[in-house]
């Protein structure tokens, strides 16, 4: 891969995942605060568990994107196995799609800027998976001679 393509790929990831990463950091802080407040009461409230699942999925997805991006940029790099990376990426995709569907089910109408915060990372994640398909799906692909 040429250096200009590597820089463009890194720029794509930073621009597409930037706003979602800010929300992920805010979610991490809020989930931590709410979990401490919930356990300090006599009767803990477990309604924040879906938020914990979204934050954990977002962290796993971020790790998957970064590891796969490093593998695409440097193919000789020894990193995690492809099933683990694919699992991490699926967790990230699920954590990004959940707010979209829960907003639709609650009767909310999404504005374009709010929806793009969740849609742009999905597009970039699928692009990274497409670029890393030879590594991710190498055991499943049978070469025809």
Protein backbone atom coordinates (compact mmCIF):
# COMPACT_ATOMS: atom_id res chain seq x y z
CA UNK A 1 0.00 0.00 0.00
CA UNK A 2 1.35 3.42 -0.93
CA UNK A 3 1.99 5.97 1.83
CA UNK A 4 -0.67 8.35 0.49
CA UNK A 5 -3.27 5.56 0.66
CA UNK A 6 -2.21 4.73 4.22
CA UNK A 7 -2.60 8.38 5.23
CA UNK A 8 -6.01 8.58 3.53
CA UNK A 9 -7.15 5.43 5.31
CA UNK A 10 -6.06 6.76 8.70
CA UNK A 11 -7.78 10.08 7.95
CA UNK A 12 -10.98 8.22 7.02
CA UNK A 13 -10.95 6.32 10.32
CA UNK A 14 -10.28 9.45 12.37
CA UNK A 15 -13.01 11.48 10.65
CA UNK A 16 -15.63 8.74 10.66
CA UNK A 17 -15.00 7.43 14.17
CA UNK A 18 -14.20 10.76 15.86
CA UNK A 19 -17.70 11.81 16.96
CA UNK A 20 -18.66 8.25 17.92
CA UNK A 21 -15.45 7.93 19.94
CA UNK A 22 -16.34 11.10 21.86
CA UNK A 23 -19.74 9.57 22.68
CA UNK A 24 -18.00 6.35 23.69
CA UNK A 25 -15.79 8.26 26.16
CA UNK A 26 -18.83 10.08 27.56
CA UNK A 27 -20.68 6.78 27.88
CA UNK A 28 -17.75 5.23 29.71
CA UNK A 29 -17.73 8.09 32.21
CA UNK A 30 -21.50 8.06 32.70
CA UNK A 31 -21.74 4.29 33.06
CA UNK A 32 -18.99 4.36 35.67
CA UNK A 33 -20.72 7.11 37.65
CA UNK A 34 -24.16 5.49 37.43
CA UNK A 35 -22.82 2.08 38.44
CA UNK A 36 -21.18 3.55 41.55
CA UNK A 37 -24.36 5.46 42.41
CA UNK A 38 -26.51 2.40 41.85
CA UNK A 39 -24.41 0.17 44.07
CA UNK A 40 -24.21 2.78 46.80
CA UNK A 41 -27.97 2.53 47.28
CA UNK A 42 -29.52 -0.29 49.25
CA UNK A 43 -31.46 -1.48 46.20
CA UNK A 44 -29.29 -1.45 43.05
CA UNK A 45 -30.87 -0.45 39.76
CA UNK A 46 -29.89 -2.62 36.79
CA UNK A 47 -31.52 -0.48 34.10
CA UNK A 48 -28.12 0.81 32.97
CA UNK A 49 -26.91 -2.67 31.89
CA UNK A 50 -27.78 -2.04 28.19
CA UNK A 51 -25.61 1.07 28.40
CA UNK A 52 -22.78 -1.03 29.79
CA UNK A 53 -23.22 -3.46 26.91
CA UNK A 54 -23.03 -0.60 24.38
CA UNK A 55 -19.87 0.78 25.98
CA UNK A 56 -18.19 -2.64 26.13
CA UNK A 57 -19.19 -3.32 22.52
CA UNK A 58 -17.88 0.08 21.48
CA UNK A 59 -14.54 -0.53 23.20
CA UNK A 60 -14.23 -3.97 21.59
CA UNK A 61 -15.17 -2.53 18.21
CA UNK A 62 -12.61 0.24 18.56
CA UNK A 63 -9.92 -2.32 19.41
CA UNK A 64 -10.96 -4.41 16.41
CA UNK A 65 -10.80 -1.44 14.04
CA UNK A 66 -7.39 -0.33 15.30
CA UNK A 67 -5.91 -3.84 15.12
CA UNK A 68 -7.29 -4.48 11.64
CA UNK A 69 -6.10 -1.05 10.47
CA UNK A 70 -2.60 -1.86 11.75
CA UNK A 71 -2.72 -5.18 9.90
CA UNK A 72 -3.81 -3.50 6.67
CA UNK A 73 -1.09 -0.87 6.92
CA UNK A 74 1.63 -3.38 7.89
CA UNK A 75 0.74 -6.85 6.52
CA UNK A 76 3.79 -8.50 8.13
CA UNK A 77 2.64 -7.55 11.62
CA UNK A 78 1.75 -10.45 13.94
CA UNK A 79 -1.46 -9.55 15.75
CA UNK A 80 -4.64 -11.15 17.04
CA UNK A 81 -6.26 -14.00 15.20
CA UNK A 82 -8.83 -13.13 12.57
CA UNK A 83 -11.83 -14.67 14.43
CA UNK A 84 -11.11 -12.47 17.45
CA UNK A 85 -10.84 -9.35 15.30
CA UNK A 86 -14.06 -10.25 13.50
CA UNK A 87 -15.82 -10.84 16.84
CA UNK A 88 -14.61 -7.47 18.13
CA UNK A 89 -15.80 -5.75 14.95
CA UNK A 90 -19.23 -7.40 15.19
CA UNK A 91 -19.54 -6.22 18.81
CA UNK A 92 -18.72 -2.68 17.66
CA UNK A 93 -21.24 -2.80 14.82
CA UNK A 94 -23.95 -4.04 17.18
CA UNK A 95 -23.20 -1.28 19.67
CA UNK A 96 -23.51 1.29 16.86
CA UNK A 97 -26.77 -0.06 15.45
CA UNK A 98 -28.57 -0.36 18.79
CA UNK A 99 -29.11 3.41 19.32
CA UNK A 100 -30.50 3.73 15.80
CA UNK A 101 -33.10 1.00 16.33
CA UNK A 102 -33.98 2.01 19.88
CA UNK A 103 -34.59 5.57 18.71
CA UNK A 104 -36.87 4.37 15.93
CA UNK A 105 -38.78 2.11 18.35
CA UNK A 106 -39.21 4.98 20.81
CA UNK A 107 -40.81 7.11 18.09
CA UNK A 108 -37.87 9.49 17.74
CA UNK A 109 -37.14 11.03 14.39
CA UNK A 110 -33.44 11.19 13.59
CA UNK A 111 -31.91 14.29 12.13
CA UNK A 112 -29.15 13.79 9.58
CA UNK A 113 -26.28 14.99 11.80
CA UNK A 114 -27.37 12.75 14.68
CA UNK A 115 -27.80 9.73 12.41
CA UNK A 116 -24.43 10.32 10.75
CA UNK A 117 -22.70 9.94 14.11
CA UNK A 118 -23.77 6.30 14.02
CA UNK A 119 -23.85 5.66 10.26
CA UNK A 120 -20.38 6.98 9.31
CA UNK A 121 -18.54 4.57 11.63
CA UNK A 122 -20.58 1.70 10.20
CA UNK A 123 -19.58 2.64 6.66
CA UNK A 124 -15.92 2.99 7.68
CA UNK A 125 -16.01 -0.33 9.57
CA UNK A 126 -17.40 -2.16 6.55
CA UNK A 127 -14.74 -0.48 4.40
CA UNK A 128 -11.99 -1.65 6.76
CA UNK A 129 -13.46 -5.17 6.78
CA UNK A 130 -13.51 -5.10 2.98
CA UNK A 131 -9.88 -3.98 2.81
CA UNK A 132 -8.83 -6.64 5.34
CA UNK A 133 -10.92 -9.42 3.84
CA UNK A 134 -7.86 -11.41 2.72
CA UNK A 135 -6.66 -11.56 6.33
CA UNK A 136 -10.05 -11.93 8.03
CA UNK A 137 -11.49 -14.59 5.77
CA UNK A 138 -8.31 -16.32 4.59
CA UNK A 139 -9.25 -19.70 6.10
CA UNK A 140 -12.73 -19.61 4.56
CA UNK A 141 -11.60 -18.69 1.04
CA UNK A 142 -10.80 -21.69 -1.13
CA UNK A 143 -8.54 -20.84 -4.00
CA UNK A 144 -9.54 -22.37 -7.33
CA UNK A 145 -6.52 -23.47 -9.32
